[in-house]
Protein backbone atom coordinates (compact mmCIF):
# COMPACT_ATOMS: atom_id res chain seq x y z
CA UNK A 1 0.00 0.00 0.00
CA UNK A 2 2.85 2.37 0.77
CA UNK A 3 5.13 3.76 -1.92
CA UNK A 4 7.85 4.40 0.64
CA UNK A 5 10.43 1.65 0.86
CA UNK A 6 12.70 1.40 3.85
CA UNK A 7 16.11 0.26 2.64
CA UNK A 8 17.57 -2.91 4.05
CA UNK A 9 20.05 -2.39 6.81
CA UNK A 10 23.62 -2.61 5.67
CA UNK A 11 26.21 -3.94 8.05
CA UNK A 12 28.58 -1.00 8.25
CA UNK A 13 29.93 -2.22 11.56
CA UNK A 14 32.21 -4.83 10.05
CA UNK A 15 33.58 -2.29 7.57
CA UNK A 16 34.19 0.27 10.32
CA UNK A 17 35.82 -2.34 12.57
CA UNK A 18 38.10 -3.35 9.68
CA UNK A 19 39.12 0.28 9.13
CA UNK A 20 39.85 0.68 12.84
CA UNK A 21 42.00 -2.48 12.81
CA UNK A 22 43.87 -1.31 9.72
CA UNK A 23 44.38 2.15 11.26
CA UNK A 24 45.76 0.66 14.47
CA UNK A 25 48.08 -1.56 12.46
CA UNK A 26 49.30 1.36 10.35
CA UNK A 27 49.95 3.44 13.47
CA UNK A 28 51.87 0.57 15.06
CA UNK A 29 54.00 0.13 11.96
CA UNK A 30 54.66 3.87 11.66
CA UNK A 31 55.57 4.24 15.30
CA UNK A 32 57.76 1.16 15.32
CA UNK A 33 59.99 2.87 12.80
CA UNK A 34 60.69 5.60 15.37
CA UNK A 35 63.28 4.08 17.67
CA UNK A 36 62.21 3.92 21.31
CA UNK A 37 58.87 5.66 20.78
CA UNK A 38 56.52 2.64 20.99
CA UNK A 39 54.93 3.96 24.19
CA UNK A 40 55.09 7.66 23.38
CA UNK A 41 52.46 10.20 24.46
CA UNK A 42 51.45 10.57 20.79
CA UNK A 43 50.79 6.83 20.54
CA UNK A 44 48.69 6.84 23.71
CA UNK A 45 46.72 9.82 22.44
CA UNK A 46 46.08 8.16 19.09
CA UNK A 47 44.97 4.96 20.83
CA UNK A 48 42.64 6.97 23.07
CA UNK A 49 41.06 8.67 20.06
CA UNK A 50 40.62 5.32 18.29
CA UNK A 51 38.97 3.89 21.40
CA UNK A 52 36.57 6.83 21.46
CA UNK A 53 35.84 6.32 17.75
CA UNK A 54 35.16 2.64 18.32
CA UNK A 55 32.80 3.37 21.23
CA UNK A 56 30.97 6.02 19.20
CA UNK A 57 30.61 3.55 16.32
CA UNK A 58 28.95 1.00 18.59
CA UNK A 59 26.60 3.64 20.03
CA UNK A 60 25.64 4.90 16.58
CA UNK A 61 25.13 1.36 15.31
CA UNK A 62 22.77 0.64 18.20
CA UNK A 63 20.85 3.85 17.54
CA UNK A 64 20.64 2.96 13.84
CA UNK A 65 19.21 -0.45 14.68
CA UNK A 66 16.58 1.09 16.96
CA UNK A 67 15.64 3.79 14.42
CA UNK A 68 15.32 1.22 11.64
CA UNK A 69 12.98 -0.89 13.78
CA UNK A 70 10.90 2.21 14.59
CA UNK A 71 10.72 3.17 10.90
CA UNK A 72 9.54 -0.31 9.93
CA UNK A 73 6.86 -0.27 12.64
CA UNK A 74 5.68 3.23 11.62
CA UNK A 75 5.36 2.14 7.98
CA UNK A 76 3.34 -0.90 9.01
CA UNK A 77 1.03 1.29 11.12
CA UNK A 78 0.70 3.80 8.27
CA UNK A 79 -0.30 1.06 5.85
CA UNK A 80 -2.86 -0.27 8.32
CA UNK A 81 -4.39 3.19 8.81
CA UNK A 82 -4.58 3.77 5.06
CA UNK A 83 -6.31 0.42 4.62
CA UNK A 84 -8.84 1.31 7.31
CA UNK A 85 -9.40 4.71 5.69
CA UNK A 86 -10.01 3.12 2.29
CA UNK A 87 -12.44 0.65 3.83
CA UNK A 88 -14.34 3.46 5.56
CA UNK A 89 -14.54 5.45 2.32
CA UNK A 90 -15.85 2.40 0.47
CA UNK A 91 -18.44 1.58 3.16
CA UNK A 92 -19.69 5.16 3.44
CA UNK A 93 -19.61 5.84 -0.31
CA UNK A 94 -18.12 9.28 0.12
CA UNK A 95 -18.06 10.91 -3.38
CA UNK A 96 -15.39 13.48 -2.47
CA UNK A 97 -13.05 10.58 -1.82
CA UNK A 98 -13.85 8.63 -4.96
CA UNK A 99 -16.98 6.81 -3.76
CA UNK A 100 -20.18 6.42 -5.80
CA UNK A 101 -22.34 9.51 -6.40
CA UNK A 102 -25.77 9.59 -4.69
């Protein structure tokens, strides 16, 4: 009944997690080339920012899941209401809504 289509959820989480892993690996490789700097303040700061990014990603993914479920439920309710409206129009024969003329 509805022309609106809710897109299927894509699993961005695995892609984001892969990028985080690759970023951590690249940072480790880059920092290992700097002699004696494996536990530098810059490394700790980068790790802290990546941890924050990872936490934010999980929070946003959870919110996306909840919003998708809400959107699906709203579309189902909308379709039900439109069906009830159409049935009421047909039963009452309302000409302004496309029913038969008296």
